[in-house]
Amino acid sequence: MRNKRLTFEENCTKLEKKEKREVWKLNTEMKKGISGSTLKLIAISAMLVDHIGAVLLVPYLTAPGNWTQELYDLYYVMRMIIGRIAFPIFCFLLTEGFAHTSNVWKYALRLGIFALVSEAAFDLAFEGAVPAWGYQNVFFTLFLGLAAMIIWKKLEDSSLPKVAWIPLGLAGIAVCMCLAELLQTDYGAYGVLCIVTLYLTRGNRLFQVVAGCAALWVGDYLFGMGGSEFWAPLGLLPVLFYRGRRGLKLKYVFYLFYPVHLTILYLLSLILL
């Protein structure tokens, strides 16, 4: 009996050691990749560069006598390359946030509130007046992208057969895309398409990135973006190294940074231009 008991205890110890090794291996793999907070900081930095170019450099460049090839090259790098990196990352983070949030309705409410709060700063920075109804900030696009994912998920979890809920889900996505166009949100239907594509392909990271790149390029053509999003797929390269780790707690950083940095850029434009 003693030998059997020792054997049983030894087996338990071996199982515990194996479990600990598996946990250590998983933690090591996660640490090797990029965290969610790192992705968020990359996107925020790229967005800041883009908006500096839009709010400060473009007005100066287009003023009489200021145009030079060097300044135009700087504009192109800031807005057409670095600036295009931000939105795809924000789209990806939105799908991750939706997949892991404990309360999707609070998530949607938060996006909606900050869409309204940020609009005045957005209008001042890009239009120089409040209100300016011709162009709405990116929070509205993210909100509609989230709405499209909610519709799809609710139908997917319903008791409806696939032949019924898939067409309804596609119709719901189409409605959100149409609303983005009607409201003239930043990126419009193109933005909602990119969000939904990344969400529907999230089961395989490599396939998700490839599909996201295709959506960015095809959408650029379909929605008449004029090739302005050619470099946008670069934003999905860091996503390949994301391992699901949250990283630093930056939950409200983007929400607050967005209206604050636009307000500062507007004030700087009044002083410098």
Protein backbone atom coordinates (compact mmCIF):
# COMPACT_ATOMS: atom_id res chain seq x y z
CA MET A 1 0.00 0.00 0.00
CA ARG A 2 2.86 2.32 0.85
CA ASN A 3 4.46 1.84 -2.57
CA LYS A 4 1.15 2.45 -4.32
CA ARG A 5 0.59 5.62 -2.28
CA LEU A 6 4.04 6.89 -3.13
CA THR A 7 3.50 6.14 -6.78
CA PHE A 8 0.21 8.05 -6.73
CA GLU A 9 1.84 11.02 -5.00
CA GLU A 10 4.72 10.97 -7.46
CA ASN A 11 2.26 10.98 -10.36
CA CYS A 12 0.47 13.97 -8.87
CA THR A 13 3.79 15.78 -8.49
CA LYS A 14 4.66 15.04 -12.12
CA LEU A 15 1.30 16.37 -13.29
CA GLU A 16 1.75 19.55 -11.23
CA LYS A 17 5.22 20.08 -12.68
CA LYS A 18 3.90 19.52 -16.20
CA GLU A 19 1.09 22.05 -15.64
CA LYS A 20 3.56 24.59 -14.28
CA ARG A 21 5.81 24.09 -17.33
CA GLU A 22 2.84 24.61 -19.66
CA VAL A 23 1.84 27.82 -17.83
CA TRP A 24 5.43 29.07 -17.90
CA LYS A 25 5.68 28.27 -21.62
CA LEU A 26 2.42 30.13 -22.33
CA ASN A 27 3.53 33.16 -20.32
CA THR A 28 6.89 33.16 -22.09
CA GLU A 29 5.22 33.05 -25.51
CA MET A 30 2.90 35.92 -24.56
CA LYS A 31 5.81 38.03 -23.32
CA LYS A 32 7.62 37.59 -26.63
CA GLY A 33 4.83 39.30 -28.55
CA ILE A 34 3.39 42.81 -28.64
CA SER A 35 0.86 43.76 -25.98
CA GLY A 36 -2.43 45.54 -26.57
CA SER A 37 -1.13 48.69 -24.89
CA THR A 38 1.89 48.73 -27.23
CA LEU A 39 -0.42 48.52 -30.24
CA LYS A 40 -2.50 51.35 -28.81
CA LEU A 41 0.57 53.56 -28.32
CA ILE A 42 1.75 52.84 -31.88
CA ALA A 43 -1.68 53.82 -33.22
CA ILE A 44 -1.90 56.97 -31.09
CA SER A 45 1.59 58.07 -32.16
CA ALA A 46 0.78 57.52 -35.84
CA MET A 47 -2.50 59.38 -35.47
CA LEU A 48 -0.74 62.33 -33.83
CA VAL A 49 1.74 62.56 -36.70
CA ASP A 50 -1.14 62.42 -39.18
CA HIS A 51 -3.09 65.15 -37.44
CA ILE A 52 -0.05 67.42 -37.08
CA GLY A 53 0.34 67.12 -40.82
CA ALA A 54 -3.34 67.80 -41.46
CA VAL A 55 -3.89 70.68 -39.03
CA LEU A 56 -0.53 72.47 -39.14
CA LEU A 57 1.45 71.42 -42.21
CA VAL A 58 -1.27 71.37 -44.89
CA PRO A 59 -2.50 74.95 -44.29
CA TYR A 60 1.09 76.21 -44.35
CA LEU A 61 1.97 74.19 -47.44
CA THR A 62 -1.05 75.43 -49.39
CA ALA A 63 -0.52 79.10 -48.52
CA PRO A 64 0.82 81.23 -51.39
CA GLY A 65 4.59 81.02 -51.76
CA ASN A 66 5.13 78.24 -49.21
CA TRP A 67 5.08 75.16 -51.44
CA THR A 68 8.37 73.28 -51.80
CA GLN A 69 9.09 69.72 -52.85
CA GLU A 70 10.73 69.02 -49.51
CA LEU A 71 7.63 70.12 -47.60
CA TYR A 72 5.40 68.08 -49.88
CA ASP A 73 7.58 65.01 -49.30
CA LEU A 74 7.28 65.59 -45.56
CA TYR A 75 3.52 65.90 -45.91
CA TYR A 76 3.37 62.62 -47.85
CA VAL A 77 5.39 60.71 -45.27
CA MET A 78 3.43 62.15 -42.34
CA ARG A 79 -0.07 61.72 -43.75
CA MET A 80 0.05 59.08 -46.46
CA ILE A 81 2.45 56.62 -44.80
CA ILE A 82 2.79 57.10 -41.04
CA GLY A 83 -0.72 58.48 -40.63
CA ARG A 84 -2.33 55.54 -42.43
CA ILE A 85 -0.97 53.09 -39.86
CA ALA A 86 -3.30 54.25 -37.08
CA PHE A 87 -6.79 53.32 -38.25
CA PRO A 88 -6.20 49.60 -39.00
CA ILE A 89 -4.73 49.15 -35.52
CA PHE A 90 -7.69 50.91 -33.91
CA CYS A 91 -10.01 48.64 -35.92
CA PHE A 92 -8.19 45.57 -34.65
CA LEU A 93 -8.22 46.79 -31.04
CA LEU A 94 -11.95 47.44 -31.32
CA THR A 95 -12.56 43.82 -32.35
CA GLU A 96 -10.42 42.63 -29.45
CA GLY A 97 -12.25 44.92 -27.06
CA PHE A 98 -15.60 43.61 -28.28
CA ALA A 99 -14.49 39.99 -27.94
CA HIS A 100 -13.27 40.45 -24.35
CA THR A 101 -15.52 43.12 -22.84
CA SER A 102 -17.69 42.08 -19.91
CA ASN A 103 -20.43 44.54 -20.88
CA VAL A 104 -20.81 45.38 -24.57
CA TRP A 105 -23.52 47.96 -23.91
CA LYS A 106 -21.24 49.99 -21.62
CA TYR A 107 -18.57 49.69 -24.29
CA ALA A 108 -20.96 51.06 -26.91
CA LEU A 109 -22.15 53.81 -24.58
CA ARG A 110 -18.57 54.89 -23.91
CA LEU A 111 -17.82 55.13 -27.64
CA GLY A 112 -21.03 57.04 -28.25
CA ILE A 113 -20.35 59.54 -25.46
CA PHE A 114 -16.82 60.25 -26.63
CA ALA A 115 -18.01 60.57 -30.22
CA LEU A 116 -20.26 63.43 -29.10
CA VAL A 117 -17.68 64.93 -26.72
CA SER A 118 -14.93 64.89 -29.36
CA GLU A 119 -16.95 66.40 -32.20
CA ALA A 120 -16.38 70.05 -31.23
CA ALA A 121 -12.59 69.57 -31.07
CA PHE A 122 -12.67 67.63 -34.35
CA ASP A 123 -14.68 70.37 -36.10
CA LEU A 124 -12.39 73.13 -34.84
CA ALA A 125 -9.21 71.30 -35.83
CA PHE A 126 -10.31 70.30 -39.34
CA GLU A 127 -13.00 72.81 -40.25
CA GLY A 128 -12.20 75.78 -38.03
CA ALA A 129 -15.82 76.15 -36.89
CA VAL A 130 -18.43 74.53 -34.65
CA PRO A 131 -20.68 72.90 -35.67
CA ALA A 132 -19.46 71.53 -39.00
CA TRP A 133 -21.79 68.82 -40.19
CA GLY A 134 -19.92 67.81 -43.32
CA TYR A 135 -17.47 65.47 -41.62
CA GLN A 136 -17.72 63.57 -38.31
CA ASN A 137 -14.97 62.16 -36.09
CA VAL A 138 -13.69 58.59 -36.08
CA PHE A 139 -15.49 57.64 -32.85
CA PHE A 140 -18.73 57.58 -34.84
CA THR A 141 -17.14 55.12 -37.27
CA LEU A 142 -15.91 52.92 -34.42
CA PHE A 143 -19.35 53.07 -32.82
CA LEU A 144 -21.03 51.90 -36.03
CA GLY A 145 -18.40 49.18 -36.47
CA LEU A 146 -19.15 47.99 -32.94
CA ALA A 147 -22.89 48.06 -33.72
CA ALA A 148 -22.28 45.87 -36.78
CA MET A 149 -20.35 43.34 -34.66
CA ILE A 150 -23.08 43.32 -32.00
CA ILE A 151 -25.75 42.62 -34.63
CA TRP A 152 -23.71 39.78 -36.12
CA LYS A 153 -22.92 38.23 -32.72
CA LYS A 154 -26.50 38.42 -31.46
CA LEU A 155 -27.79 36.72 -34.60
CA GLU A 156 -24.99 34.14 -34.51
CA ASP A 157 -25.94 33.22 -30.93
CA SER A 158 -29.65 33.08 -31.70
CA SER A 159 -31.63 29.95 -32.45
CA LEU A 160 -32.08 30.95 -36.09
CA PRO A 161 -30.62 28.64 -38.75
CA LYS A 162 -27.60 29.87 -40.72
CA VAL A 163 -29.63 30.38 -43.85
CA ALA A 164 -31.69 32.92 -41.91
CA TRP A 165 -29.27 34.71 -39.61
CA ILE A 166 -26.35 35.16 -42.05
CA PRO A 167 -28.41 37.24 -44.55
CA LEU A 168 -29.85 39.21 -41.64
CA GLY A 169 -26.34 39.79 -40.27
CA LEU A 170 -25.06 40.97 -43.64
CA ALA A 171 -28.07 43.28 -43.91
CA GLY A 172 -27.28 44.71 -40.47
CA ILE A 173 -23.67 45.31 -41.49
CA ALA A 174 -24.87 47.01 -44.69
CA VAL A 175 -27.15 49.30 -42.65
CA CYS A 176 -24.22 50.33 -40.41
CA MET A 177 -22.09 51.04 -43.50
CA CYS A 178 -24.87 53.13 -45.03
CA LEU A 179 -25.25 55.10 -41.80
CA ALA A 180 -21.52 55.80 -41.80
CA GLU A 181 -21.84 57.24 -45.30
CA LEU A 182 -24.97 59.25 -44.49
CA LEU A 183 -23.38 60.72 -41.37
CA GLN A 184 -20.13 61.26 -43.30
CA THR A 185 -18.03 59.80 -40.52
CA ASP A 186 -14.25 59.61 -40.79
CA TYR A 187 -13.50 56.63 -43.08
CA GLY A 188 -17.25 56.08 -43.58
CA ALA A 189 -18.46 52.70 -44.89
CA TYR A 190 -14.84 51.83 -45.67
CA GLY A 191 -14.04 51.96 -41.96
CA VAL A 192 -16.99 49.76 -40.96
CA LEU A 193 -16.00 47.23 -43.65
CA CYS A 194 -12.45 47.02 -42.25
CA ILE A 195 -13.72 46.52 -38.69
CA VAL A 196 -16.17 43.77 -39.66
CA THR A 197 -13.56 42.01 -41.82
CA LEU A 198 -11.09 41.85 -38.93
CA TYR A 199 -13.82 40.59 -36.62
CA LEU A 200 -15.10 37.83 -38.90
CA THR A 201 -11.58 36.50 -39.58
CA ARG A 202 -10.28 36.66 -36.01
CA GLY A 203 -9.97 32.86 -35.67
CA ASN A 204 -6.59 32.81 -37.45
CA ARG A 205 -4.22 35.73 -36.95
CA LEU A 206 -2.35 35.38 -40.24
CA PHE A 207 -5.57 35.00 -42.22
CA GLN A 208 -7.03 37.93 -40.29
CA VAL A 209 -4.14 40.18 -41.29
CA VAL A 210 -4.26 39.07 -44.93
CA ALA A 211 -8.04 39.60 -45.06
CA GLY A 212 -7.62 42.98 -43.36
CA CYS A 213 -5.05 44.05 -45.95
CA ALA A 214 -7.39 42.95 -48.74
CA ALA A 215 -10.28 44.91 -47.21
CA LEU A 216 -8.10 48.02 -46.89
CA TRP A 217 -6.96 47.89 -50.50
CA VAL A 218 -10.25 46.75 -52.06
CA GLY A 219 -12.20 49.23 -49.95
CA ASP A 220 -9.84 51.99 -51.04
CA TYR A 221 -10.88 51.28 -54.64
CA LEU A 222 -14.59 50.60 -54.03
CA PHE A 223 -15.20 53.68 -51.93
CA GLY A 224 -13.20 56.06 -54.08
CA MET A 225 -10.43 56.84 -51.60
CA GLY A 226 -8.11 57.61 -54.51
CA GLY A 227 -5.27 55.40 -53.33
CA SER A 228 -4.90 57.37 -50.09
CA GLU A 229 -5.00 54.13 -48.08
CA PHE A 230 -2.30 52.36 -50.09
CA TRP A 231 0.07 52.22 -47.11
CA ALA A 232 -2.65 51.43 -44.54
CA PRO A 233 -1.91 47.67 -44.45
CA LEU A 234 1.41 48.51 -42.78
CA GLY A 235 -0.66 49.10 -39.66
CA LEU A 236 -1.54 45.42 -39.53
CA LEU A 237 2.06 44.21 -39.45
CA PRO A 238 2.41 44.77 -35.67
CA VAL A 239 -0.84 42.84 -35.22
CA LEU A 240 0.98 39.69 -36.37
CA PHE A 241 3.07 39.88 -33.19
CA TYR A 242 0.15 40.47 -30.83
CA ARG A 243 -0.24 37.61 -28.35
CA GLY A 244 -3.36 38.63 -26.47
CA ARG A 245 -1.53 40.30 -23.59
CA ARG A 246 -3.17 43.48 -22.30
CA GLY A 247 -0.01 45.25 -21.15
CA LEU A 248 -0.30 48.64 -19.47
CA LYS A 249 -3.72 49.78 -18.30
CA LEU A 250 -4.48 52.45 -20.91
CA LYS A 251 -8.25 52.00 -21.07
CA TYR A 252 -9.13 55.68 -21.27
CA VAL A 253 -5.93 57.05 -22.81
CA PHE A 254 -7.22 57.07 -26.40
CA TYR A 255 -10.64 58.36 -25.37
CA LEU A 256 -9.09 61.35 -23.62
CA PHE A 257 -6.14 61.86 -25.93
CA TYR A 258 -8.32 62.21 -29.02
CA PRO A 259 -10.24 65.41 -28.12
CA VAL A 260 -7.38 66.88 -26.08
CA HIS A 261 -4.73 66.64 -28.82
CA LEU A 262 -7.15 68.01 -31.44
CA THR A 263 -7.90 71.01 -29.21
CA ILE A 264 -4.19 71.67 -28.69
CA LEU A 265 -3.49 71.42 -32.43
CA TYR A 266 -6.31 73.84 -33.15
CA LEU A 267 -4.90 76.36 -30.66
CA LEU A 268 -1.43 75.93 -32.16
CA SER A 269 -2.85 76.58 -35.62
CA LEU A 270 -4.28 79.89 -34.39
CA ILE A 271 -0.90 80.91 -33.00
CA LEU A 272 1.42 79.66 -35.75
CA LEU A 273 -0.59 80.05 -38.97
